PDB file of N, CA and C in Angstrom:
ATOM      1  N   MET A   1       9.341  -7.315 -12.109  1.00  0.00           N
ATOM      2  CA  MET A   1       8.964  -7.542 -10.686  1.00  0.00           C
ATOM      3  C   MET A   1       8.966  -6.259  -9.976  1.00  0.00           C
ATOM      4  N   LYS A   2       7.884  -6.029  -9.255  1.00  0.00           N
ATOM      5  CA  LYS A   2       7.794  -4.751  -8.392  1.00  0.00           C
ATOM      6  C   LYS A   2       8.672  -4.886  -7.223  1.00  0.00           C
ATOM      7  N   THR A   3       9.382  -3.747  -6.944  1.00  0.00           N
ATOM      8  CA  THR A   3      10.139  -3.622  -5.767  1.00  0.00           C
ATOM      9  C   THR A   3       9.480  -2.585  -4.857  1.00  0.00           C
ATOM     10  N   ILE A   4       9.708  -2.726  -3.574  1.00  0.00           N
ATOM     11  CA  ILE A   4       9.032  -1.888  -2.589  1.00  0.00           C
ATOM     12  C   ILE A   4      10.087  -0.932  -1.913  1.00  0.00           C
ATOM     13  N   HIS A   5       9.664   0.345  -1.782  1.00  0.00           N
ATOM     14  CA  HIS A   5      10.552   1.309  -1.241  1.00  0.00           C
ATOM     15  C   HIS A   5       9.778   2.167  -0.208  1.00  0.00           C
ATOM     16  N   ARG A   6      10.422   2.447   0.972  1.00  0.00           N
ATOM     17  CA  ARG A   6       9.780   3.282   1.933  1.00  0.00           C
ATOM     18  C   ARG A   6       9.649   4.752   1.340  1.00  0.00           C
ATOM     19  N   ASN A   7       8.654   5.450   1.621  1.00  0.00           N
ATOM     20  CA  ASN A   7       8.528   6.857   1.185  1.00  0.00           C
ATOM     21  C   ASN A   7       9.533   7.639   2.038  1.00  0.00           C
ATOM     22  N   PRO A   8      10.397   8.329   1.352  1.00  0.00           N
ATOM     23  CA  PRO A   8      11.469   9.059   2.139  1.00  0.00           C
ATOM     24  C   PRO A   8      10.897  10.219   2.996  1.00  0.00           C
ATOM     25  N   ASP A   9       9.680  10.609   2.751  1.00  0.00           N
ATOM     26  CA  ASP A   9       9.006  11.638   3.493  1.00  0.00           C
ATOM     27  C   ASP A   9       8.505  11.137   4.843  1.00  0.00           C
ATOM     28  N   VAL A  10       8.453   9.872   4.992  1.00  0.00           N
ATOM     29  CA  VAL A  10       7.912   9.237   6.256  1.00  0.00           C
ATOM     30  C   VAL A  10       8.972   9.259   7.293  1.00  0.00           C
ATOM     31  N   MET A  11       8.652   9.717   8.434  1.00  0.00           N
ATOM     32  CA  MET A  11       9.550   9.659   9.496  1.00  0.00           C
ATOM     33  C   MET A  11       9.164   8.460  10.406  1.00  0.00           C
ATOM     34  N   TRP A  12      10.040   7.693  10.983  1.00  0.00           N
ATOM     35  CA  TRP A  12       9.739   6.519  11.746  1.00  0.00           C
ATOM     36  C   TRP A  12      10.794   6.345  12.835  1.00  0.00           C
ATOM     37  N   ARG A  13      10.360   5.609  13.861  1.00  0.00           N
ATOM     38  CA  ARG A  13      11.305   5.208  14.858  1.00  0.00           C
ATOM     39  C   ARG A  13      10.860   3.905  15.456  1.00  0.00           C
ATOM     40  N   GLU A  14      11.839   3.137  15.830  1.00  0.00           N
ATOM     41  CA  GLU A  14      11.593   1.871  16.500  1.00  0.00           C
ATOM     42  C   GLU A  14      11.654   2.069  17.982  1.00  0.00           C
ATOM     43  N   GLU A  15      10.682   1.541  18.703  1.00  0.00           N
ATOM     44  CA  GLU A  15      10.676   1.750  20.155  1.00  0.00           C
ATOM     45  C   GLU A  15      11.495   0.556  20.797  1.00  0.00           C
ATOM     46  N   ALA A  16      12.640   0.882  21.286  1.00  0.00           N
ATOM     47  CA  ALA A  16      13.626  -0.123  21.751  1.00  0.00           C
ATOM     48  C   ALA A  16      13.029  -0.884  22.969  1.00  0.00           C
ATOM     49  N   ASP A  17      12.374  -0.155  23.897  1.00  0.00           N
ATOM     50  CA  ASP A  17      11.812  -0.781  25.048  1.00  0.00           C
ATOM     51  C   ASP A  17      10.646  -1.711  24.743  1.00  0.00           C
ATOM     52  N   ALA A  18       9.807  -1.200  23.834  1.00  0.00           N
ATOM     53  CA  ALA A  18       8.666  -2.063  23.446  1.00  0.00           C
ATOM     54  C   ALA A  18       9.192  -3.317  22.723  1.00  0.00           C
ATOM     55  N   LEU A  19      10.226  -3.108  21.898  1.00  0.00           N
ATOM     56  CA  LEU A  19      10.758  -4.267  21.187  1.00  0.00           C
ATOM     57  C   LEU A  19      11.312  -5.272  22.096  1.00  0.00           C
ATOM     58  N   ALA A  20      12.064  -4.846  23.137  1.00  0.00           N
ATOM     59  CA  ALA A  20      12.648  -5.787  24.152  1.00  0.00           C
ATOM     60  C   ALA A  20      11.525  -6.509  24.832  1.00  0.00           C
ATOM     61  N   ARG A  21      10.448  -5.809  25.202  1.00  0.00           N
ATOM     62  CA  ARG A  21       9.282  -6.544  25.852  1.00  0.00           C
ATOM     63  C   ARG A  21       8.639  -7.477  24.952  1.00  0.00           C
ATOM     64  N   VAL A  22       8.497  -7.202  23.672  1.00  0.00           N
ATOM     65  CA  VAL A  22       7.967  -8.142  22.695  1.00  0.00           C
ATOM     66  C   VAL A  22       8.785  -9.423  22.597  1.00  0.00           C
ATOM     67  N   LEU A  23      10.077  -9.191  22.443  1.00  0.00           N
ATOM     68  CA  LEU A  23      11.022 -10.367  22.316  1.00  0.00           C
ATOM     69  C   LEU A  23      10.949 -11.250  23.493  1.00  0.00           C
ATOM     70  N   GLU A  24      10.912 -10.651  24.696  1.00  0.00           N
ATOM     71  CA  GLU A  24      10.805 -11.471  25.863  1.00  0.00           C
ATOM     72  C   GLU A  24       9.434 -12.237  25.987  1.00  0.00           C
ATOM     73  N   ALA A  25       8.389 -11.540  25.512  1.00  0.00           N
ATOM     74  CA  ALA A  25       7.085 -12.206  25.493  1.00  0.00           C
ATOM     75  C   ALA A  25       7.026 -13.334  24.462  1.00  0.00           C
ATOM     76  N   LEU A  26       7.617 -13.131  23.340  1.00  0.00           N
ATOM     77  CA  LEU A  26       7.742 -14.228  22.338  1.00  0.00           C
ATOM     78  C   LEU A  26       8.513 -15.428  22.912  1.00  0.00           C
ATOM     79  N   ASP A  27       9.549 -15.129  23.673  1.00  0.00           N
ATOM     80  CA  ASP A  27      10.312 -16.256  24.283  1.00  0.00           C
ATOM     81  C   ASP A  27       9.478 -17.114  25.262  1.00  0.00           C
ATOM     82  N   ARG A  28       8.510 -16.355  25.860  1.00  0.00           N
ATOM     83  CA  ARG A  28       7.596 -17.090  26.774  1.00  0.00           C
ATOM     84  C   ARG A  28       6.408 -17.645  26.127  1.00  0.00           C
ATOM     85  N   GLY A  29       6.318 -17.482  24.806  1.00  0.00           N
ATOM     86  CA  GLY A  29       5.167 -18.021  24.057  1.00  0.00           C
ATOM     87  C   GLY A  29       3.950 -17.226  24.080  1.00  0.00           C
ATOM     88  N   GLU A  30       4.040 -15.968  24.488  1.00  0.00           N
ATOM     89  CA  GLU A  30       2.864 -15.111  24.563  1.00  0.00           C
ATOM     90  C   GLU A  30       2.576 -14.407  23.282  1.00  0.00           C
ATOM     91  N   ALA A  31       1.304 -14.020  23.069  1.00  0.00           N
ATOM     92  CA  ALA A  31       0.872 -13.301  21.921  1.00  0.00           C
ATOM     93  C   ALA A  31       1.303 -11.861  22.022  1.00  0.00           C
ATOM     94  N   VAL A  32       1.764 -11.331  20.849  1.00  0.00           N
ATOM     95  CA  VAL A  32       2.260  -9.922  20.888  1.00  0.00           C
ATOM     96  C   VAL A  32       1.674  -9.110  19.727  1.00  0.00           C
ATOM     97  N   GLU A  33       0.674  -9.594  19.027  1.00  0.00           N
ATOM     98  CA  GLU A  33       0.152  -8.884  17.900  1.00  0.00           C
ATOM     99  C   GLU A  33      -0.352  -7.526  18.174  1.00  0.00           C
ATOM    100  N   GLU A  34      -0.810  -7.189  19.399  1.00  0.00           N
ATOM    101  CA  GLU A  34      -1.380  -5.893  19.638  1.00  0.00           C
ATOM    102  C   GLU A  34      -0.356  -4.940  20.224  1.00  0.00           C
ATOM    103  N   THR A  35       0.919  -5.372  20.322  1.00  0.00           N
ATOM    104  CA  THR A  35       1.970  -4.512  20.953  1.00  0.00           C
ATOM    105  C   THR A  35       2.696  -3.745  19.887  1.00  0.00           C
ATOM    106  N   GLY A  36       2.700  -2.465  19.899  1.00  0.00           N
ATOM    107  CA  GLY A  36       3.476  -1.638  18.950  1.00  0.00           C
ATOM    108  C   GLY A  36       4.938  -1.630  19.204  1.00  0.00           C
ATOM    109  N   THR A  37       5.753  -1.803  18.182  1.00  0.00           N
ATOM    110  CA  THR A  37       7.282  -1.704  18.349  1.00  0.00           C
ATOM    111  C   THR A  37       7.855  -0.621  17.520  1.00  0.00           C
ATOM    112  N   SER A  38       7.047   0.044  16.602  1.00  0.00           N
ATOM    113  CA  SER A  38       7.602   1.221  15.952  1.00  0.00           C
ATOM    114  C   SER A  38       6.423   2.153  15.548  1.00  0.00           C
ATOM    115  N   VAL A  39       6.773   3.333  15.184  1.00  0.00           N
ATOM    116  CA  VAL A  39       5.726   4.315  14.824  1.00  0.00           C
ATOM    117  C   VAL A  39       6.190   5.008  13.561  1.00  0.00           C
ATOM    118  N   LEU A  40       5.213   5.126  12.571  1.00  0.00           N
ATOM    119  CA  LEU A  40       5.477   5.864  11.401  1.00  0.00           C
ATOM    120  C   LEU A  40       4.637   7.233  11.445  1.00  0.00           C
ATOM    121  N   PHE A  41       5.247   8.318  10.912  1.00  0.00           N
ATOM    122  CA  PHE A  41       4.612   9.620  10.818  1.00  0.00           C
ATOM    123  C   PHE A  41       4.732  10.159   9.440  1.00  0.00           C
ATOM    124  N   SER A  42       3.570  10.592   8.917  1.00  0.00           N
ATOM    125  CA  SER A  42       3.624  11.282   7.636  1.00  0.00           C
ATOM    126  C   SER A  42       2.422  12.096   7.453  1.00  0.00           C
ATOM    127  N   GLY A  43       2.643  13.357   7.070  1.00  0.00           N
ATOM    128  CA  GLY A  43       1.540  14.268   6.767  1.00  0.00           C
ATOM    129  C   GLY A  43       0.422  14.328   7.770  1.00  0.00           C
ATOM    130  N   GLY A  44       0.835  14.315   9.083  1.00  0.00           N
ATOM    131  CA  GLY A  44      -0.165  14.402  10.152  1.00  0.00           C
ATOM    132  C   GLY A  44      -0.785  13.029  10.461  1.00  0.00           C
ATOM    133  N   THR A  45      -0.382  12.020   9.830  1.00  0.00           N
ATOM    134  CA  THR A  45      -0.865  10.660  10.075  1.00  0.00           C
ATOM    135  C   THR A  45       0.169   9.855  10.876  1.00  0.00           C
ATOM    136  N   MET A  46      -0.271   9.182  11.899  1.00  0.00           N
ATOM    137  CA  MET A  46       0.590   8.341  12.671  1.00  0.00           C
ATOM    138  C   MET A  46       0.091   6.896  12.616  1.00  0.00           C
ATOM    139  N   LEU A  47       1.029   5.975  12.439  1.00  0.00           N
ATOM    140  CA  LEU A  47       0.683   4.537  12.391  1.00  0.00           C
ATOM    141  C   LEU A  47       1.573   3.749  13.281  1.00  0.00           C
ATOM    142  N   SER A  48       0.985   3.043  14.218  1.00  0.00           N
ATOM    143  CA  SER A  48       1.778   2.155  15.140  1.00  0.00           C
ATOM    144  C   SER A  48       1.841   0.798  14.532  1.00  0.00           C
ATOM    145  N   LEU A  49       3.131   0.217  14.501  1.00  0.00           N
ATOM    146  CA  LEU A  49       3.229  -1.056  13.893  1.00  0.00           C
ATOM    147  C   LEU A  49       3.675  -2.121  15.013  1.00  0.00           C
ATOM    148  N   ASN A  50       3.091  -3.308  14.827  1.00  0.00           N
ATOM    149  CA  ASN A  50       3.456  -4.390  15.737  1.00  0.00           C
ATOM    150  C   ASN A  50       4.840  -4.975  15.241  1.00  0.00           C
ATOM    151  N   TYR A  51       5.232  -6.027  15.841  1.00  0.00           N
ATOM    152  CA  TYR A  51       6.501  -6.568  15.633  1.00  0.00           C
ATOM    153  C   TYR A  51       6.626  -7.037  14.143  1.00  0.00           C
ATOM    154  N   LEU A  52       5.659  -7.777  13.654  1.00  0.00           N
ATOM    155  CA  LEU A  52       5.686  -8.262  12.209  1.00  0.00           C
ATOM    156  C   LEU A  52       5.649  -6.995  11.298  1.00  0.00           C
ATOM    157  N   GLY A  53       4.866  -6.112  11.578  1.00  0.00           N
ATOM    158  CA  GLY A  53       4.693  -4.876  10.733  1.00  0.00           C
ATOM    159  C   GLY A  53       6.028  -4.164  10.689  1.00  0.00           C
ATOM    160  N   THR A  54       6.689  -4.067  11.891  1.00  0.00           N
ATOM    161  CA  THR A  54       8.016  -3.355  11.912  1.00  0.00           C
ATOM    162  C   THR A  54       9.022  -4.112  11.021  1.00  0.00           C
ATOM    163  N   GLU A  55       9.006  -5.463  11.191  1.00  0.00           N
ATOM    164  CA  GLU A  55       9.985  -6.209  10.401  1.00  0.00           C
ATOM    165  C   GLU A  55       9.748  -6.097   8.923  1.00  0.00           C
ATOM    166  N   ILE A  56       8.465  -6.070   8.509  1.00  0.00           N
ATOM    167  CA  ILE A  56       8.122  -5.850   7.084  1.00  0.00           C
ATOM    168  C   ILE A  56       8.603  -4.471   6.691  1.00  0.00           C
ATOM    169  N   TRP A  57       8.293  -3.411   7.494  1.00  0.00           N
ATOM    170  CA  TRP A  57       8.672  -2.109   7.147  1.00  0.00           C
ATOM    171  C   TRP A  57      10.168  -1.911   6.911  1.00  0.00           C
ATOM    172  N   LYS A  58      10.969  -2.600   7.744  1.00  0.00           N
ATOM    173  CA  LYS A  58      12.398  -2.461   7.697  1.00  0.00           C
ATOM    174  C   LYS A  58      12.929  -3.097   6.437  1.00  0.00           C
ATOM    175  N   LEU A  59      12.195  -4.067   5.798  1.00  0.00           N
ATOM    176  CA  LEU A  59      12.620  -4.732   4.634  1.00  0.00           C
ATOM    177  C   LEU A  59      12.092  -4.127   3.344  1.00  0.00           C
ATOM    178  N   CYS A  60      11.353  -2.988   3.495  1.00  0.00           N
ATOM    179  CA  CYS A  60      10.878  -2.239   2.271  1.00  0.00           C
ATOM    180  C   CYS A  60      12.046  -1.336   1.776  1.00  0.00           C
ATOM    181  N   ASP A  61      13.078  -1.951   1.367  1.00  0.00           N
ATOM    182  CA  ASP A  61      14.339  -1.350   0.943  1.00  0.00           C
ATOM    183  C   ASP A  61      14.699  -1.621  -0.469  1.00  0.00           C
ATOM    184  N   GLY A  62      13.732  -1.870  -1.278  1.00  0.00           N
ATOM    185  CA  GLY A  62      13.963  -2.285  -2.665  1.00  0.00           C
ATOM    186  C   GLY A  62      13.792  -3.753  -2.989  1.00  0.00           C
ATOM    187  N   ARG A  63      13.326  -4.519  -1.978  1.00  0.00           N
ATOM    188  CA  ARG A  63      13.051  -5.886  -2.160  1.00  0.00           C
ATOM    189  C   ARG A  63      11.698  -6.128  -2.809  1.00  0.00           C
ATOM    190  N   THR A  64      11.505  -7.263  -3.301  1.00  0.00           N
ATOM    191  CA  THR A  64      10.158  -7.676  -3.805  1.00  0.00           C
ATOM    192  C   THR A  64       9.345  -8.177  -2.670  1.00  0.00           C
ATOM    193  N   PRO A  65       8.008  -8.288  -2.810  1.00  0.00           N
ATOM    194  CA  PRO A  65       7.238  -8.981  -1.808  1.00  0.00           C
ATOM    195  C   PRO A  65       7.718 -10.395  -1.464  1.00  0.00           C
ATOM    196  N   GLU A  66       8.128 -11.106  -2.547  1.00  0.00           N
ATOM    197  CA  GLU A  66       8.600 -12.465  -2.393  1.00  0.00           C
ATOM    198  C   GLU A  66       9.915 -12.438  -1.555  1.00  0.00           C
ATOM    199  N   GLY A  67      10.778 -11.476  -1.745  1.00  0.00           N
ATOM    200  CA  GLY A  67      12.036 -11.314  -1.020  1.00  0.00           C
ATOM    201  C   GLY A  67      11.774 -11.076   0.471  1.00  0.00           C
ATOM    202  N   ILE A  68      10.745 -10.277   0.735  1.00  0.00           N
ATOM    203  CA  ILE A  68      10.399  -9.950   2.138  1.00  0.00           C
ATOM    204  C   ILE A  68       9.897 -11.245   2.838  1.00  0.00           C
ATOM    205  N   VAL A  69       9.024 -11.977   2.121  1.00  0.00           N
ATOM    206  CA  VAL A  69       8.520 -13.198   2.630  1.00  0.00           C
ATOM    207  C   VAL A  69       9.668 -14.212   2.937  1.00  0.00           C
ATOM    208  N   ALA A  70      10.567 -14.335   1.996  1.00  0.00           N
ATOM    209  CA  ALA A  70      11.738 -15.278   2.174  1.00  0.00           C
ATOM    210  C   ALA A  70      12.586 -14.882   3.396  1.00  0.00           C
ATOM    211  N   GLU A  71      12.758 -13.582   3.565  1.00  0.00           N
ATOM    212  CA  GLU A  71      13.565 -13.093   4.703  1.00  0.00           C
ATOM    213  C   GLU A  71      12.886 -13.356   6.071  1.00  0.00           C
ATOM    214  N   LEU A  72      11.512 -13.166   6.022  1.00  0.00           N
ATOM    215  CA  LEU A  72      10.754 -13.340   7.392  1.00  0.00           C
ATOM    216  C   LEU A  72      10.432 -14.778   7.690  1.00  0.00           C
ATOM    217  N   LEU A  73      10.258 -15.562   6.747  1.00  0.00           N
ATOM    218  CA  LEU A  73       9.751 -16.982   6.992  1.00  0.00           C
ATOM    219  C   LEU A  73      10.590 -17.742   8.029  1.00  0.00           C
ATOM    220  N   PRO A  74      11.877 -17.683   8.026  1.00  0.00           N
ATOM    221  CA  PRO A  74      12.624 -18.398   9.080  1.00  0.00           C
ATOM    222  C   PRO A  74      12.426 -17.858  10.484  1.00  0.00           C
ATOM    223  N   GLN A  75      11.944 -16.600  10.618  1.00  0.00           N
ATOM    224  CA  GLN A  75      11.790 -15.950  11.887  1.00  0.00           C
ATOM    225  C   GLN A  75      10.520 -16.176  12.549  1.00  0.00           C
ATOM    226  N   PHE A  76       9.439 -16.585  11.751  1.00  0.00           N
ATOM    227  CA  PHE A  76       8.094 -16.784  12.279  1.00  0.00           C
ATOM    228  C   PHE A  76       7.596 -18.172  11.968  1.00  0.00           C
ATOM    229  N   GLU A  77       6.920 -18.713  12.980  1.00  0.00           N
ATOM    230  CA  GLU A  77       6.325 -20.089  12.911  1.00  0.00           C
ATOM    231  C   GLU A  77       4.951 -19.909  12.251  1.00  0.00           C
ATOM    232  N   VAL A  78       4.942 -19.898  10.935  1.00  0.00           N
ATOM    233  CA  VAL A  78       3.675 -19.622  10.236  1.00  0.00           C
ATOM    234  C   VAL A  78       3.840 -20.297   8.852  1.00  0.00           C
ATOM    235  N   ASP A  79       2.754 -20.664   8.268  1.00  0.00           N
ATOM    236  CA  ASP A  79       2.723 -21.317   6.975  1.00  0.00           C
ATOM    237  C   ASP A  79       3.179 -20.198   5.926  1.00  0.00           C
ATOM    238  N   GLU A  80       3.901 -20.586   4.970  1.00  0.00           N
ATOM    239  CA  GLU A  80       4.373 -19.613   3.992  1.00  0.00           C
ATOM    240  C   GLU A  80       3.246 -18.931   3.206  1.00  0.00           C
ATOM    241  N   ALA A  81       2.166 -19.668   2.929  1.00  0.00           N
ATOM    242  CA  ALA A  81       1.058 -18.968   2.195  1.00  0.00           C
ATOM    243  C   ALA A  81       0.388 -17.935   3.099  1.00  0.00           C
ATOM    244  N   VAL A  82       0.260 -18.244   4.383  1.00  0.00           N
ATOM    245  CA  VAL A  82      -0.328 -17.301   5.321  1.00  0.00           C
ATOM    246  C   VAL A  82       0.539 -16.038   5.454  1.00  0.00           C
ATOM    247  N   LEU A  83       1.772 -16.286   5.585  1.00  0.00           N
ATOM    248  CA  LEU A  83       2.772 -15.112   5.647  1.00  0.00           C
ATOM    249  C   LEU A  83       2.738 -14.337   4.402  1.00  0.00           C
ATOM    250  N   ARG A  84       2.668 -14.963   3.210  1.00  0.00           N
ATOM    251  CA  ARG A  84       2.596 -14.237   1.980  1.00  0.00           C
ATOM    252  C   ARG A  84       1.339 -13.334   1.910  1.00  0.00           C
ATOM    253  N   GLU A  85       0.249 -13.885   2.324  1.00  0.00           N
ATOM    254  CA  GLU A  85      -1.020 -13.111   2.308  1.00  0.00           C
ATOM    255  C   GLU A  85      -0.973 -11.967   3.307  1.00  0.00           C
ATOM    256  N   ASP A  86      -0.467 -12.261   4.497  1.00  0.00           N
ATOM    257  CA  ASP A  86      -0.293 -11.194   5.558  1.00  0.00           C
ATOM    258  C   ASP A  86       0.666 -10.069   5.058  1.00  0.00           C
ATOM    259  N   VAL A  87       1.800 -10.395   4.517  1.00  0.00           N
ATOM    260  CA  VAL A  87       2.760  -9.450   3.982  1.00  0.00           C
ATOM    261  C   VAL A  87       2.094  -8.552   2.876  1.00  0.00           C
ATOM    262  N   GLN A  88       1.469  -9.156   1.937  1.00  0.00           N
ATOM    263  CA  GLN A  88       0.804  -8.511   0.773  1.00  0.00           C
ATOM    264  C   GLN A  88      -0.228  -7.551   1.336  1.00  0.00           C
ATOM    265  N   ALA A  89      -1.051  -7.997   2.178  1.00  0.00           N
ATOM    266  CA  ALA A  89      -2.174  -7.162   2.729  1.00  0.00           C
ATOM    267  C   ALA A  89      -1.595  -5.941   3.486  1.00  0.00           C
ATOM    268  N   PHE A  90      -0.519  -6.144   4.300  1.00  0.00           N
ATOM    269  CA  PHE A  90       0.079  -5.031   4.927  1.00  0.00           C
ATOM    270  C   PHE A  90       0.763  -4.087   3.968  1.00  0.00           C
ATOM    271  N   LEU A  91       1.460  -4.589   2.916  1.00  0.00           N
ATOM    272  CA  LEU A  91       2.028  -3.756   1.941  1.00  0.00           C
ATOM    273  C   LEU A  91       0.977  -2.918   1.229  1.00  0.00           C
ATOM    274  N   ASP A  92      -0.150  -3.544   0.866  1.00  0.00           N
ATOM    275  CA  ASP A  92      -1.180  -2.829   0.222  1.00  0.00           C
ATOM    276  C   ASP A  92      -1.661  -1.668   1.085  1.00  0.00           C
ATOM    277  N   GLU A  93      -1.891  -1.984   2.389  1.00  0.00           N
ATOM    278  CA  GLU A  93      -2.350  -0.942   3.343  1.00  0.00           C
ATOM    279  C   GLU A  93      -1.310   0.216   3.399  1.00  0.00           C
ATOM    280  N   LEU A  94      -0.073  -0.149   3.469  1.00  0.00           N
ATOM    281  CA  LEU A  94       0.974   0.903   3.520  1.00  0.00           C
ATOM    282  C   LEU A  94       0.986   1.760   2.243  1.00  0.00           C
ATOM    283  N   ALA A  95       0.766   1.149   1.064  1.00  0.00           N
ATOM    284  CA  ALA A  95       0.765   1.779  -0.192  1.00  0.00           C
ATOM    285  C   ALA A  95      -0.433   2.741  -0.261  1.00  0.00           C
ATOM    286  N   VAL A  96      -1.575   2.360   0.104  1.00  0.00           N
ATOM    287  CA  VAL A  96      -2.783   3.176   0.147  1.00  0.00           C
ATOM    288  C   VAL A  96      -2.564   4.436   0.918  1.00  0.00           C
ATOM    289  N   LYS A  97      -1.875   4.286   2.079  1.00  0.00           N
ATOM    290  CA  LYS A  97      -1.623   5.357   3.018  1.00  0.00           C
ATOM    291  C   LYS A  97      -0.453   6.257   2.592  1.00  0.00           C
ATOM    292  N   GLY A  98       0.265   5.810   1.534  1.00  0.00           N
ATOM    293  CA  GLY A  98       1.400   6.559   1.018  1.00  0.00           C
ATOM    294  C   GLY A  98       2.707   6.413   1.765  1.00  0.00           C
ATOM    295  N   PHE A  99       2.766   5.408   2.610  1.00  0.00           N
ATOM    296  CA  PHE A  99       3.980   5.068   3.421  1.00  0.00           C
ATOM    297  C   PHE A  99       5.044   4.377   2.573  1.00  0.00           C
ATOM    298  N   ILE A 100       4.594   3.583   1.519  1.00  0.00           N
ATOM    299  CA  ILE A 100       5.594   2.984   0.711  1.00  0.00           C
ATOM    300  C   ILE A 100       5.236   3.183  -0.767  1.00  0.00           C
ATOM    301  N   ARG A 101       6.162   2.956  -1.651  1.00  0.00           N
ATOM    302  CA  ARG A 101       5.962   3.081  -3.151  1.00  0.00           C
ATOM    303  C   ARG A 101       6.501   1.812  -3.758  1.00  0.00           C
ATOM    304  N   TYR A 102       5.798   1.475  -4.847  1.00  0.00           N
ATOM    305  CA  TYR A 102       6.258   0.425  -5.693  1.00  0.00           C
ATOM    306  C   TYR A 102       7.040   0.947  -6.854  1.00  0.00           C
ATOM    307  N   ALA A 103       8.071   0.240  -7.302  1.00  0.00           N
ATOM    308  CA  ALA A 103       8.825   0.591  -8.518  1.00  0.00           C
ATOM    309  C   ALA A 103       8.977  -0.653  -9.351  1.00  0.00           C
ATOM    310  N   GLU A 104       9.078  -0.432 -10.635  1.00  0.00           N
ATOM    311  CA  GLU A 104       9.293  -1.547 -11.585  1.00  0.00           C
ATOM    312  C   GLU A 104      10.690  -1.864 -11.705  1.00  0.00           C
TER     313      GLU A 104
END
């Protein structure tokens, strides 16, 4: 089973103020997909992550994709199959950009 690891050369920070605004908006039932809550930096590339992306990123600590989905599922009101597809698509994007690495 493949495990996922953040590239140690990637610098990142979570934006506390943006996260607080997103959590408040979620409590009000508002959409937050376009609001960045963290930023990744690597080799001159910057990537802004929304709330779901940030939560996925934080779980790239040696877990499997299935483990990430299992951790996130209780937090998000979404069908498991949809979440699984979204997580895998995002992980694929991060891998192509060199932000994460897979290990056996």
